[in-house]
Amino acid sequence: MIDVLVLDDDVYVGRLHCRYVEQTPGFRALEPVRDLRSARKVLAAGGVDLLLADEVLPDGTGTQLIRETSVDAALLTAVTDAQVVRAALSAGALTCLFKPFDSEQLTSLLRRYARLRRVWEQERLSQAGLDRALRGFYDAGGAGASPESRAGSTSARILEALQRAQGPLPAVQVGEAIGVSRATAQRHLVRLAEQDMVTVSLRYGSAGRPEHLYAAPA
């Protein structure tokens, strides 16, 4: 079992990413943390195999922590500045995953990481074997990637829109908010509701016809 520590200052996002981790066979999410101080305590206690760190934190940056630790790490961030990404990679991050992303994208990263770990467990490596391992890890859109992962992050954009909303929204407004059809939004909302990632309530119109409303969990 690969134990993963999620570091994110947003409680909802941290729990969501932990849920994604738990849905991936062979991985276990530890209790998420919100700042560098808490993360350092957990890392010092041992038992962390992979760190998934946000960049912007209340008491510093994810890159700082990645530089400090010998634990394998990836940066999960909404910061797309090239120099920030370069600094994180130079500090030791295996890769960066830009927010918002959906469960398929993080699952793809975790599965590729698991394959890479198996390579490191070998006593010796050949050049060809190393090349294959690195290509397999960094080729997120290769043969091992799912159609959902290659298609983008509609579900993640829906979650982001619901977080920004002032209250529950019907599928048609969710679709308008992210630029997709009502049918597409409805399909993703149903899947997210089945995974308990959004809440569903009913609103009755003047004609008494019910309408489903969706919201991010409190």
N, C-alpha and C. Protein backbone atom coordinates (compact mmCIF):
# COMPACT_ATOMS: atom_id res chain seq x y z
N MET A 1 0.84 -1.19 0.00
CA MET A 1 0.00 0.00 0.00
C MET A 1 0.88 1.25 0.00
N ILE A 2 0.57 2.19 -0.86
CA ILE A 2 1.33 3.44 -0.96
C ILE A 2 0.57 4.51 -0.18
N ASP A 3 1.21 5.06 0.86
CA ASP A 3 0.57 6.06 1.72
C ASP A 3 0.85 7.46 1.19
N VAL A 4 -0.22 8.24 1.03
CA VAL A 4 -0.13 9.55 0.40
C VAL A 4 -0.57 10.64 1.38
N LEU A 5 0.24 11.70 1.48
CA LEU A 5 -0.11 12.87 2.29
C LEU A 5 -0.51 14.00 1.36
N VAL A 6 -1.72 14.51 1.55
CA VAL A 6 -2.23 15.64 0.76
C VAL A 6 -2.08 16.91 1.59
N LEU A 7 -1.41 17.91 1.00
CA LEU A 7 -1.22 19.21 1.65
C LEU A 7 -1.93 20.27 0.83
N ASP A 8 -3.01 20.83 1.38
CA ASP A 8 -3.77 21.88 0.69
C ASP A 8 -4.45 22.75 1.74
N ASP A 9 -4.36 24.06 1.59
CA ASP A 9 -4.94 24.95 2.60
C ASP A 9 -6.46 25.00 2.54
N ASP A 10 -7.05 24.53 1.45
CA ASP A 10 -8.51 24.48 1.31
C ASP A 10 -9.00 23.12 1.82
N VAL A 11 -9.78 23.12 2.89
CA VAL A 11 -10.23 21.86 3.50
C VAL A 11 -11.01 21.01 2.51
N TYR A 12 -11.92 21.64 1.78
CA TYR A 12 -12.75 20.88 0.83
C TYR A 12 -11.89 20.25 -0.25
N VAL A 13 -10.96 21.02 -0.82
CA VAL A 13 -10.10 20.50 -1.88
C VAL A 13 -9.22 19.38 -1.35
N GLY A 14 -8.67 19.56 -0.16
CA GLY A 14 -7.83 18.52 0.42
C GLY A 14 -8.57 17.21 0.60
N ARG A 15 -9.80 17.29 1.10
CA ARG A 15 -10.60 16.08 1.28
C ARG A 15 -10.98 15.46 -0.06
N LEU A 16 -11.26 16.31 -1.05
CA LEU A 16 -11.61 15.80 -2.37
C LEU A 16 -10.44 15.03 -2.97
N HIS A 17 -9.23 15.58 -2.85
CA HIS A 17 -8.06 14.90 -3.38
C HIS A 17 -7.79 13.60 -2.63
N CYS A 18 -8.03 13.59 -1.33
CA CYS A 18 -7.90 12.34 -0.57
C CYS A 18 -8.88 11.29 -1.06
N ARG A 19 -10.08 11.73 -1.39
CA ARG A 19 -11.07 10.80 -1.92
C ARG A 19 -10.60 10.20 -3.24
N TYR A 20 -10.03 11.04 -4.09
CA TYR A 20 -9.48 10.54 -5.35
C TYR A 20 -8.40 9.49 -5.09
N VAL A 21 -7.53 9.77 -4.10
CA VAL A 21 -6.46 8.83 -3.76
C VAL A 21 -7.04 7.50 -3.30
N GLU A 22 -8.04 7.56 -2.42
CA GLU A 22 -8.64 6.35 -1.87
C GLU A 22 -9.33 5.51 -2.94
N GLN A 23 -9.78 6.16 -4.01
CA GLN A 23 -10.45 5.44 -5.09
C GLN A 23 -9.46 4.71 -6.00
N THR A 24 -8.17 4.96 -5.82
CA THR A 24 -7.15 4.34 -6.66
C THR A 24 -6.60 3.09 -5.96
N PRO A 25 -6.76 1.91 -6.54
CA PRO A 25 -6.27 0.68 -5.91
C PRO A 25 -4.78 0.76 -5.60
N GLY A 26 -4.42 0.30 -4.40
CA GLY A 26 -3.02 0.29 -4.00
C GLY A 26 -2.56 1.54 -3.29
N PHE A 27 -3.47 2.52 -3.13
CA PHE A 27 -3.11 3.79 -2.49
C PHE A 27 -4.00 4.04 -1.28
N ARG A 28 -3.42 4.71 -0.28
CA ARG A 28 -4.17 5.06 0.93
C ARG A 28 -3.86 6.51 1.28
N ALA A 29 -4.90 7.29 1.52
CA ALA A 29 -4.73 8.70 1.87
C ALA A 29 -4.63 8.85 3.38
N LEU A 30 -3.59 9.54 3.83
CA LEU A 30 -3.48 9.90 5.24
C LEU A 30 -4.38 11.11 5.50
N GLU A 31 -4.54 11.48 6.76
CA GLU A 31 -5.33 12.66 7.10
C GLU A 31 -4.70 13.89 6.43
N PRO A 32 -5.46 14.65 5.65
CA PRO A 32 -4.88 15.80 4.94
C PRO A 32 -4.44 16.89 5.91
N VAL A 33 -3.47 17.69 5.50
CA VAL A 33 -2.97 18.80 6.31
C VAL A 33 -3.10 20.10 5.51
N ARG A 34 -3.07 21.24 6.24
CA ARG A 34 -3.37 22.52 5.60
C ARG A 34 -2.20 23.48 5.56
N ASP A 35 -1.10 23.17 6.24
CA ASP A 35 0.02 24.11 6.26
C ASP A 35 1.34 23.35 6.38
N LEU A 36 2.44 24.08 6.19
CA LEU A 36 3.76 23.46 6.22
C LEU A 36 4.08 22.88 7.59
N ARG A 37 3.70 23.59 8.63
CA ARG A 37 4.01 23.12 9.98
C ARG A 37 3.42 21.74 10.23
N SER A 38 2.15 21.57 9.89
CA SER A 38 1.50 20.27 10.09
C SER A 38 2.12 19.20 9.21
N ALA A 39 2.42 19.57 7.96
CA ALA A 39 3.01 18.61 7.03
C ALA A 39 4.37 18.14 7.51
N ARG A 40 5.17 19.06 8.05
CA ARG A 40 6.50 18.69 8.54
C ARG A 40 6.41 17.68 9.68
N LYS A 41 5.42 17.85 10.54
CA LYS A 41 5.25 16.92 11.66
C LYS A 41 4.92 15.52 11.15
N VAL A 42 4.03 15.45 10.18
CA VAL A 42 3.64 14.14 9.64
C VAL A 42 4.83 13.49 8.93
N LEU A 43 5.55 14.27 8.15
CA LEU A 43 6.71 13.73 7.42
C LEU A 43 7.79 13.27 8.39
N ALA A 44 7.99 14.02 9.47
CA ALA A 44 9.02 13.65 10.45
C ALA A 44 8.68 12.34 11.15
N ALA A 45 7.39 12.06 11.29
CA ALA A 45 6.96 10.82 11.94
C ALA A 45 7.17 9.60 11.06
N GLY A 46 7.37 9.81 9.76
CA GLY A 46 7.59 8.71 8.83
C GLY A 46 6.29 8.10 8.35
N GLY A 47 6.42 7.18 7.40
CA GLY A 47 5.25 6.48 6.90
C GLY A 47 4.59 7.12 5.69
N VAL A 48 5.18 8.19 5.15
CA VAL A 48 4.64 8.84 3.96
C VAL A 48 5.46 8.40 2.75
N ASP A 49 4.78 7.88 1.74
CA ASP A 49 5.46 7.45 0.51
C ASP A 49 5.42 8.51 -0.58
N LEU A 50 4.33 9.28 -0.60
CA LEU A 50 4.15 10.29 -1.65
C LEU A 50 3.47 11.52 -1.07
N LEU A 51 4.03 12.68 -1.38
CA LEU A 51 3.47 13.96 -0.94
C LEU A 51 2.83 14.65 -2.14
N LEU A 52 1.57 15.04 -1.99
CA LEU A 52 0.87 15.83 -3.00
C LEU A 52 0.65 17.21 -2.40
N ALA A 53 1.43 18.20 -2.85
CA ALA A 53 1.46 19.49 -2.18
C ALA A 53 0.93 20.61 -3.06
N ASP A 54 0.11 21.46 -2.45
CA ASP A 54 -0.29 22.71 -3.09
C ASP A 54 0.91 23.66 -3.04
N GLU A 55 0.91 24.68 -3.88
CA GLU A 55 2.02 25.62 -3.90
C GLU A 55 1.80 26.75 -2.90
N VAL A 56 0.67 27.42 -2.96
CA VAL A 56 0.42 28.60 -2.12
C VAL A 56 -0.21 28.15 -0.80
N LEU A 57 0.53 28.37 0.29
CA LEU A 57 0.10 27.92 1.62
C LEU A 57 0.19 29.07 2.61
N PRO A 58 -0.49 28.98 3.75
CA PRO A 58 -0.49 30.09 4.71
C PRO A 58 0.89 30.44 5.25
N ASP A 59 1.77 29.45 5.37
CA ASP A 59 3.08 29.69 5.98
C ASP A 59 4.24 29.38 5.04
N GLY A 60 4.00 29.45 3.75
CA GLY A 60 5.09 29.23 2.79
C GLY A 60 4.58 28.64 1.50
N THR A 61 5.42 27.82 0.87
CA THR A 61 5.05 27.22 -0.41
C THR A 61 5.31 25.72 -0.42
N GLY A 62 4.59 25.04 -1.28
CA GLY A 62 4.81 23.61 -1.43
C GLY A 62 6.21 23.31 -1.91
N THR A 63 6.76 24.19 -2.75
CA THR A 63 8.11 23.99 -3.26
C THR A 63 9.13 23.96 -2.12
N GLN A 64 8.94 24.81 -1.11
CA GLN A 64 9.83 24.79 0.05
C GLN A 64 9.87 23.41 0.69
N LEU A 65 8.70 22.85 0.90
CA LEU A 65 8.63 21.54 1.57
C LEU A 65 9.21 20.44 0.70
N ILE A 66 8.95 20.50 -0.59
CA ILE A 66 9.50 19.50 -1.50
C ILE A 66 11.02 19.54 -1.47
N ARG A 67 11.59 20.74 -1.37
CA ARG A 67 13.04 20.87 -1.31
C ARG A 67 13.60 20.28 -0.02
N GLU A 68 12.83 20.37 1.06
CA GLU A 68 13.30 19.90 2.36
C GLU A 68 13.27 18.39 2.51
N THR A 69 12.29 17.74 1.88
CA THR A 69 12.04 16.32 2.15
C THR A 69 12.64 15.41 1.09
N SER A 70 12.94 14.19 1.50
CA SER A 70 13.41 13.17 0.55
C SER A 70 12.26 12.31 0.05
N VAL A 71 11.04 12.58 0.55
CA VAL A 71 9.86 11.82 0.12
C VAL A 71 9.49 12.22 -1.31
N ASP A 72 9.10 11.25 -2.12
CA ASP A 72 8.63 11.55 -3.47
C ASP A 72 7.47 12.54 -3.39
N ALA A 73 7.42 13.49 -4.33
CA ALA A 73 6.41 14.54 -4.24
C ALA A 73 5.98 15.00 -5.63
N ALA A 74 4.74 15.50 -5.67
CA ALA A 74 4.21 16.15 -6.87
C ALA A 74 3.51 17.42 -6.43
N LEU A 75 3.55 18.43 -7.27
CA LEU A 75 2.91 19.70 -6.97
C LEU A 75 1.53 19.73 -7.63
N LEU A 76 0.49 19.98 -6.83
CA LEU A 76 -0.88 20.12 -7.34
C LEU A 76 -1.27 21.57 -7.13
N THR A 77 -1.35 22.36 -8.19
CA THR A 77 -1.47 23.80 -8.01
C THR A 77 -2.25 24.46 -9.13
N ALA A 78 -2.85 25.60 -8.80
CA ALA A 78 -3.50 26.43 -9.82
C ALA A 78 -2.52 27.44 -10.39
N VAL A 79 -1.32 27.50 -9.84
CA VAL A 79 -0.29 28.43 -10.32
C VAL A 79 0.36 27.86 -11.58
N THR A 80 0.21 28.56 -12.69
CA THR A 80 0.75 28.06 -13.96
C THR A 80 1.98 28.83 -14.41
N ASP A 81 2.52 29.68 -13.55
CA ASP A 81 3.73 30.43 -13.88
C ASP A 81 4.88 29.47 -14.16
N ALA A 82 5.51 29.63 -15.31
CA ALA A 82 6.55 28.68 -15.73
C ALA A 82 7.71 28.63 -14.75
N GLN A 83 8.08 29.77 -14.16
CA GLN A 83 9.21 29.79 -13.25
C GLN A 83 8.89 29.09 -11.93
N VAL A 84 7.63 29.17 -11.51
CA VAL A 84 7.21 28.44 -10.30
C VAL A 84 7.30 26.94 -10.54
N VAL A 85 6.81 26.52 -11.70
CA VAL A 85 6.88 25.09 -12.05
C VAL A 85 8.33 24.64 -12.14
N ARG A 86 9.15 25.44 -12.79
CA ARG A 86 10.58 25.09 -12.92
C ARG A 86 11.23 24.96 -11.55
N ALA A 87 10.91 25.89 -10.64
CA ALA A 87 11.49 25.84 -9.30
C ALA A 87 11.05 24.58 -8.56
N ALA A 88 9.79 24.20 -8.73
CA ALA A 88 9.29 22.99 -8.06
C ALA A 88 9.99 21.75 -8.58
N LEU A 89 10.16 21.68 -9.90
CA LEU A 89 10.86 20.52 -10.48
C LEU A 89 12.32 20.50 -10.05
N SER A 90 12.95 21.67 -9.99
CA SER A 90 14.34 21.74 -9.54
C SER A 90 14.47 21.34 -8.08
N ALA A 91 13.42 21.62 -7.29
CA ALA A 91 13.43 21.27 -5.87
C ALA A 91 13.25 19.78 -5.64
N GLY A 92 12.78 19.07 -6.66
CA GLY A 92 12.63 17.62 -6.52
C GLY A 92 11.26 17.07 -6.83
N ALA A 93 10.31 17.94 -7.23
CA ALA A 93 8.98 17.44 -7.58
C ALA A 93 9.08 16.53 -8.80
N LEU A 94 8.35 15.42 -8.75
CA LEU A 94 8.34 14.51 -9.89
C LEU A 94 7.62 15.13 -11.07
N THR A 95 6.56 15.87 -10.78
CA THR A 95 5.77 16.51 -11.83
C THR A 95 4.83 17.52 -11.19
N CYS A 96 4.09 18.25 -12.02
CA CYS A 96 3.07 19.19 -11.56
C CYS A 96 1.75 18.87 -12.23
N LEU A 97 0.66 18.98 -11.47
CA LEU A 97 -0.68 18.77 -12.01
C LEU A 97 -1.46 20.04 -11.72
N PHE A 98 -1.93 20.69 -12.80
CA PHE A 98 -2.60 21.97 -12.64
C PHE A 98 -4.07 21.81 -12.26
N LYS A 99 -4.51 22.56 -11.28
CA LYS A 99 -5.91 22.61 -10.88
C LYS A 99 -6.67 23.51 -11.85
N PRO A 100 -7.96 23.26 -12.07
CA PRO A 100 -8.71 22.13 -11.52
C PRO A 100 -8.49 20.88 -12.36
N PHE A 101 -8.49 19.74 -11.71
CA PHE A 101 -8.39 18.46 -12.42
C PHE A 101 -9.42 17.51 -11.83
N ASP A 102 -9.75 16.45 -12.56
CA ASP A 102 -10.75 15.51 -12.07
C ASP A 102 -10.07 14.24 -11.56
N SER A 103 -10.87 13.32 -11.07
CA SER A 103 -10.33 12.11 -10.45
C SER A 103 -9.51 11.28 -11.43
N GLU A 104 -9.91 11.27 -12.70
CA GLU A 104 -9.20 10.46 -13.69
C GLU A 104 -7.77 10.95 -13.88
N GLN A 105 -7.58 12.26 -13.85
CA GLN A 105 -6.23 12.80 -14.05
C GLN A 105 -5.32 12.47 -12.88
N LEU A 106 -5.83 12.59 -11.66
CA LEU A 106 -5.00 12.25 -10.50
C LEU A 106 -4.78 10.74 -10.43
N THR A 107 -5.80 9.96 -10.75
CA THR A 107 -5.64 8.50 -10.77
C THR A 107 -4.58 8.09 -11.77
N SER A 108 -4.57 8.73 -12.93
CA SER A 108 -3.55 8.43 -13.94
C SER A 108 -2.15 8.70 -13.40
N LEU A 109 -1.99 9.85 -12.72
CA LEU A 109 -0.69 10.18 -12.13
C LEU A 109 -0.28 9.14 -11.09
N LEU A 110 -1.21 8.73 -10.24
CA LEU A 110 -0.89 7.76 -9.19
C LEU A 110 -0.51 6.41 -9.77
N ARG A 111 -1.24 5.97 -10.78
CA ARG A 111 -0.92 4.68 -11.40
C ARG A 111 0.44 4.71 -12.06
N ARG A 112 0.76 5.82 -12.72
CA ARG A 112 2.09 5.93 -13.35
C ARG A 112 3.18 5.97 -12.29
N TYR A 113 2.88 6.62 -11.16
CA TYR A 113 3.85 6.65 -10.07
C TYR A 113 4.09 5.26 -9.49
N ALA A 114 3.02 4.48 -9.35
CA ALA A 114 3.16 3.11 -8.82
C ALA A 114 4.06 2.27 -9.72
N ARG A 115 3.90 2.44 -11.03
CA ARG A 115 4.77 1.70 -11.97
C ARG A 115 6.21 2.15 -11.83
N LEU A 116 6.42 3.46 -11.65
CA LEU A 116 7.77 3.98 -11.49
C LEU A 116 8.41 3.45 -10.21
N ARG A 117 7.66 3.35 -9.13
CA ARG A 117 8.19 2.81 -7.87
C ARG A 117 8.69 1.38 -8.04
N ARG A 118 7.97 0.60 -8.83
CA ARG A 118 8.40 -0.78 -9.05
C ARG A 118 9.74 -0.83 -9.78
N VAL A 119 9.99 0.15 -10.62
CA VAL A 119 11.28 0.22 -11.31
C VAL A 119 12.39 0.52 -10.30
N TRP A 120 12.13 1.45 -9.36
CA TRP A 120 13.16 1.81 -8.38
C TRP A 120 13.48 0.65 -7.44
N GLU A 121 12.59 -0.31 -7.32
CA GLU A 121 12.82 -1.46 -6.44
C GLU A 121 13.79 -2.47 -7.03
N GLN A 122 14.10 -2.33 -8.31
CA GLN A 122 15.05 -3.24 -8.94
C GLN A 122 16.47 -2.92 -8.47
N GLU A 123 17.30 -3.94 -8.44
CA GLU A 123 18.68 -3.74 -7.98
C GLU A 123 19.49 -2.97 -9.00
N ARG A 124 19.31 -3.28 -10.28
CA ARG A 124 20.05 -2.60 -11.34
C ARG A 124 19.09 -2.23 -12.47
N LEU A 125 19.47 -1.20 -13.22
CA LEU A 125 18.67 -0.74 -14.34
C LEU A 125 19.50 -0.74 -15.62
N SER A 126 18.85 -1.01 -16.72
CA SER A 126 19.48 -0.83 -18.02
C SER A 126 19.07 0.52 -18.57
N GLN A 127 19.81 1.04 -19.53
CA GLN A 127 19.44 2.32 -20.13
C GLN A 127 18.08 2.24 -20.79
N ALA A 128 17.84 1.14 -21.50
CA ALA A 128 16.55 0.97 -22.18
C ALA A 128 15.41 0.89 -21.17
N GLY A 129 15.65 0.17 -20.07
CA GLY A 129 14.62 0.05 -19.05
C GLY A 129 14.32 1.38 -18.38
N LEU A 130 15.37 2.16 -18.11
CA LEU A 130 15.18 3.47 -17.50
C LEU A 130 14.42 4.39 -18.45
N ASP A 131 14.79 4.37 -19.72
CA ASP A 131 14.10 5.21 -20.71
C ASP A 131 12.62 4.87 -20.78
N ARG A 132 12.31 3.57 -20.78
CA ARG A 132 10.91 3.14 -20.83
C ARG A 132 10.16 3.60 -19.59
N ALA A 133 10.80 3.48 -18.43
CA ALA A 133 10.15 3.85 -17.17
C ALA A 133 9.83 5.34 -17.14
N LEU A 134 10.78 6.16 -17.56
CA LEU A 134 10.57 7.60 -17.54
C LEU A 134 9.53 8.03 -18.57
N ARG A 135 9.58 7.41 -19.75
CA ARG A 135 8.55 7.72 -20.76
C ARG A 135 7.17 7.33 -20.25
N GLY A 136 7.10 6.17 -19.59
CA GLY A 136 5.82 5.71 -19.06
C GLY A 136 5.25 6.63 -18.00
N PHE A 137 6.14 7.23 -17.20
CA PHE A 137 5.66 8.13 -16.14
C PHE A 137 5.21 9.47 -16.69
N TYR A 138 5.99 10.02 -17.61
CA TYR A 138 5.70 11.38 -18.07
C TYR A 138 4.72 11.44 -19.24
N ASP A 139 4.44 10.30 -19.88
CA ASP A 139 3.50 10.30 -21.00
C ASP A 139 2.08 10.11 -20.46
N ALA A 140 1.50 11.21 -19.94
CA ALA A 140 0.16 11.13 -19.33
C ALA A 140 -0.91 10.82 -20.35
N GLY A 141 -0.68 11.14 -21.61
CA GLY A 141 -1.69 10.91 -22.64
C GLY A 141 -1.43 9.69 -23.47
N GLY A 142 -0.57 8.80 -22.97
CA GLY A 142 -0.20 7.62 -23.73
C GLY A 142 -1.23 6.53 -23.65
N ALA A 143 -0.80 5.32 -23.98
CA ALA A 143 -1.74 4.20 -24.09
C ALA A 143 -2.41 3.88 -22.77
N GLY A 144 -1.75 4.21 -21.65
CA GLY A 144 -2.34 3.88 -20.36
C GLY A 144 -3.34 4.88 -19.86
N ALA A 145 -3.47 6.01 -20.56
CA ALA A 145 -4.39 7.05 -20.10
C ALA A 145 -5.82 6.72 -20.51
N SER A 146 -6.77 7.07 -19.66
CA SER A 146 -8.17 6.78 -19.95
C SER A 146 -8.74 7.83 -20.88
N PRO A 147 -9.83 7.53 -21.60
CA PRO A 147 -10.48 8.53 -22.44
C PRO A 147 -10.93 9.75 -21.64
N GLU A 148 -11.38 9.52 -20.39
CA GLU A 148 -11.83 10.64 -19.58
C GLU A 148 -10.68 11.58 -19.28
N SER A 149 -9.50 11.02 -19.00
CA SER A 149 -8.36 11.85 -18.69
C SER A 149 -7.94 12.67 -19.90
N ARG A 150 -7.94 12.05 -21.08
CA ARG A 150 -7.55 12.77 -22.28
C ARG A 150 -8.59 13.80 -22.67
N ALA A 151 -9.84 13.58 -22.33
CA ALA A 151 -10.91 14.48 -22.76
C ALA A 151 -10.92 15.79 -21.98
N GLY A 152 -10.23 15.87 -20.88
CA GLY A 152 -10.21 17.11 -20.12
C GLY A 152 -10.76 16.93 -18.73
N SER A 153 -11.14 18.02 -18.10
CA SER A 153 -11.53 17.97 -16.69
C SER A 153 -12.89 18.64 -16.50
N THR A 154 -13.90 18.17 -17.21
CA THR A 154 -15.24 18.75 -17.09
C THR A 154 -15.75 18.66 -15.66
N SER A 155 -15.57 17.50 -15.04
CA SER A 155 -16.06 17.33 -13.67
C SER A 155 -15.37 18.30 -12.72
N ALA A 156 -14.08 18.51 -12.90
CA ALA A 156 -13.34 19.43 -12.04
C ALA A 156 -13.84 20.86 -12.23
N ARG A 157 -14.14 21.24 -13.48
CA ARG A 157 -14.66 22.58 -13.73
C ARG A 157 -16.06 22.75 -13.14
N ILE A 158 -16.84 21.69 -13.16
CA ILE A 158 -18.16 21.74 -12.52
C ILE A 158 -18.02 21.96 -11.02
N LEU A 159 -17.12 21.22 -10.39
CA LEU A 159 -16.90 21.38 -8.95
C LEU A 159 -16.45 22.79 -8.61
N GLU A 160 -15.58 23.33 -9.45
CA GLU A 160 -15.09 24.70 -9.23
C GLU A 160 -16.24 25.70 -9.36
N ALA A 161 -17.11 25.51 -10.36
CA ALA A 161 -18.25 26.41 -10.56
C ALA A 161 -19.21 26.35 -9.38
N LEU A 162 -19.44 25.16 -8.85
CA LEU A 162 -20.34 25.01 -7.71
C LEU A 162 -19.75 25.64 -6.45
N GLN A 163 -18.43 25.57 -6.30
CA GLN A 163 -17.78 26.21 -5.16
C GLN A 163 -17.93 27.73 -5.22
N ARG A 164 -17.89 28.29 -6.43
CA ARG A 164 -18.01 29.74 -6.59
C ARG A 164 -19.45 30.22 -6.46
N ALA A 165 -20.40 29.35 -6.72
CA ALA A 165 -21.81 29.74 -6.75
C ALA A 165 -22.31 30.20 -5.38
N GLN A 166 -23.28 31.10 -5.39
CA GLN A 166 -23.85 31.62 -4.15
C GLN A 166 -24.84 30.63 -3.51
N GLY A 167 -25.27 29.64 -4.29
CA GLY A 167 -26.21 28.65 -3.79
C GLY A 167 -26.34 27.51 -4.78
N PRO A 168 -27.22 26.55 -4.52
CA PRO A 168 -27.41 25.41 -5.43
C PRO A 168 -27.82 25.87 -6.83
N LEU A 169 -27.38 25.12 -7.84
CA LEU A 169 -27.67 25.46 -9.23
C LEU A 169 -28.30 24.28 -9.96
N PRO A 170 -29.20 24.55 -10.91
CA PRO A 170 -29.70 23.48 -11.78
C PRO A 170 -28.67 23.15 -12.84
N ALA A 171 -28.83 22.02 -13.50
CA ALA A 171 -27.85 21.57 -14.49
C ALA A 171 -27.66 22.58 -15.61
N VAL A 172 -28.74 23.25 -16.04
CA VAL A 172 -28.63 24.19 -17.15
C VAL A 172 -27.71 25.36 -16.79
N GLN A 173 -27.77 25.85 -15.55
CA GLN A 173 -26.90 26.96 -15.14
C GLN A 173 -25.46 26.50 -14.95
N VAL A 174 -25.30 25.27 -14.48
CA VAL A 174 -23.94 24.71 -14.37
C VAL A 174 -23.31 24.63 -15.75
N GLY A 175 -24.07 24.13 -16.72
CA GLY A 175 -23.57 24.04 -18.09
C GLY A 175 -23.19 25.39 -18.64
N GLU A 176 -24.03 26.41 -18.40
CA GLU A 176 -23.73 27.76 -18.88
C GLU A 176 -22.47 28.31 -18.23
N ALA A 177 -22.26 27.98 -16.96
CA ALA A 177 -21.11 28.50 -16.23
C ALA A 177 -19.78 27.99 -16.77
N ILE A 178 -19.78 26.76 -17.31
CA ILE A 178 -18.52 26.19 -17.79
C ILE A 178 -18.49 26.00 -19.30
N GLY A 179 -19.56 26.41 -19.98
CA GLY A 179 -19.57 26.37 -21.43
C GLY A 179 -19.83 25.01 -22.05
N VAL A 180 -20.69 24.20 -21.42
CA VAL A 180 -21.07 22.91 -22.00
C VAL A 180 -22.60 22.84 -22.04
N SER A 181 -23.12 21.86 -22.75
CA SER A 181 -24.56 21.71 -22.86
C SER A 181 -25.17 21.24 -21.54
N ARG A 182 -26.49 21.43 -21.41
CA ARG A 182 -27.17 20.95 -20.22
C ARG A 182 -27.01 19.45 -20.08
N ALA A 183 -27.10 18.72 -21.20
CA ALA A 183 -27.00 17.25 -21.15
C ALA A 183 -25.63 16.81 -20.64
N THR A 184 -24.57 17.48 -21.12
CA THR A 184 -23.22 17.14 -20.66
C THR A 184 -23.06 17.43 -19.18
N ALA A 185 -23.53 18.61 -18.76
CA ALA A 185 -23.44 18.97 -17.35
C ALA A 185 -24.22 17.97 -16.49
N GLN A 186 -25.42 17.61 -16.96
CA GLN A 186 -26.26 16.67 -16.21
C GLN A 186 -25.56 15.32 -16.03
N ARG A 187 -24.93 14.84 -17.10
CA ARG A 187 -24.25 13.55 -17.05
C ARG A 187 -23.13 13.56 -16.00
N HIS A 188 -22.34 14.62 -15.99
CA HIS A 188 -21.25 14.71 -15.02
C HIS A 188 -21.78 14.92 -13.61
N LEU A 189 -22.84 15.70 -13.47
CA LEU A 189 -23.42 15.94 -12.15
C LEU A 189 -23.96 14.66 -11.53
N VAL A 190 -24.60 13.85 -12.34
CA VAL A 190 -25.12 12.57 -11.84
C VAL A 190 -23.98 11.70 -11.34
N ARG A 191 -22.88 11.64 -12.10
CA ARG A 191 -21.74 10.84 -11.67
C ARG A 191 -21.13 11.38 -10.38
N LEU A 192 -21.01 12.72 -10.29
CA LEU A 192 -20.45 13.33 -9.08
C LEU A 192 -21.35 13.08 -7.88
N ALA A 193 -22.66 13.11 -8.10
CA ALA A 193 -23.60 12.84 -7.00
C ALA A 193 -23.48 11.40 -6.52
N GLU A 194 -23.28 10.47 -7.46
CA GLU A 194 -23.12 9.07 -7.09
C GLU A 194 -21.86 8.86 -6.25
N GLN A 195 -20.85 9.71 -6.46
CA GLN A 195 -19.60 9.62 -5.71
C GLN A 195 -19.62 10.50 -4.46
N ASP A 196 -20.79 11.09 -4.15
CA ASP A 196 -20.95 11.97 -2.98
C ASP A 196 -20.05 13.20 -3.04
N MET A 197 -19.74 13.65 -4.25
CA MET A 197 -18.90 14.84 -4.42
C MET A 197 -19.74 16.11 -4.58
N VAL A 198 -21.03 15.96 -4.85
CA VAL A 198 -21.96 17.08 -4.85
C VAL A 198 -23.23 16.65 -4.12
N THR A 199 -23.95 17.62 -3.60
CA THR A 199 -25.23 17.33 -2.96
C THR A 199 -26.37 17.68 -3.91
N VAL A 200 -27.48 16.98 -3.77
CA VAL A 200 -28.63 17.17 -4.65
C VAL A 200 -29.86 17.49 -3.82
N SER A 201 -30.61 18.51 -4.25
CA SER A 201 -31.87 18.85 -3.61
C SER A 201 -32.92 19.09 -4.69
N LEU A 202 -34.16 19.20 -4.29
CA LEU A 202 -35.26 19.42 -5.23
C LEU A 202 -35.89 20.79 -5.02
N ARG A 203 -36.24 21.44 -6.13
CA ARG A 203 -36.99 22.69 -6.09
C ARG A 203 -38.22 22.52 -6.97
N TYR A 204 -39.37 22.93 -6.45
CA TYR A 204 -40.61 22.79 -7.21
C TYR A 204 -41.00 24.13 -7.82
N GLY A 205 -41.23 24.14 -9.14
CA GLY A 205 -41.62 25.35 -9.83
C GLY A 205 -43.09 25.66 -9.64
N SER A 206 -43.54 26.73 -10.30
CA SER A 206 -44.93 27.17 -10.15
C SER A 206 -45.92 26.11 -10.63
N ALA A 207 -45.49 25.29 -11.60
CA ALA A 207 -46.37 24.23 -12.11
C ALA A 207 -46.26 22.95 -11.28
N GLY A 208 -45.46 23.00 -10.23
CA GLY A 208 -45.29 21.84 -9.38
C GLY A 208 -44.31 20.81 -9.90
N ARG A 209 -43.59 21.18 -10.95
CA ARG A 209 -42.62 20.24 -11.53
C ARG A 209 -41.29 20.34 -10.79
N PRO A 210 -40.74 19.22 -10.32
CA PRO A 210 -39.49 19.27 -9.56
C PRO A 210 -38.27 19.50 -10.46
N GLU A 211 -37.29 20.19 -9.91
CA GLU A 211 -36.02 20.43 -10.62
C GLU A 211 -34.88 20.11 -9.66
N HIS A 212 -33.90 19.37 -10.15
CA HIS A 212 -32.75 19.02 -9.32
C HIS A 212 -31.80 20.21 -9.22
N LEU A 213 -31.33 20.47 -8.02
CA LEU A 213 -30.34 21.51 -7.77
C LEU A 213 -29.09 20.87 -7.21
N TYR A 214 -27.93 21.36 -7.63
CA TYR A 214 -26.65 20.76 -7.23
C TYR A 214 -25.78 21.79 -6.50
N ALA A 215 -25.04 21.31 -5.52
CA ALA A 215 -24.17 22.20 -4.75
C ALA A 215 -22.95 21.44 -4.29
N ALA A 216 -21.86 22.18 -4.04
CA ALA A 216 -20.67 21.57 -3.45
C ALA A 216 -20.96 21.26 -1.99
N PRO A 217 -20.45 20.15 -1.45
CA PRO A 217 -20.70 19.81 -0.04
C PRO A 217 -20.22 20.92 0.88
N ALA A 218 -20.92 21.12 1.97
CA ALA A 218 -20.55 22.16 2.93
C ALA A 218 -19.26 21.79 3.64
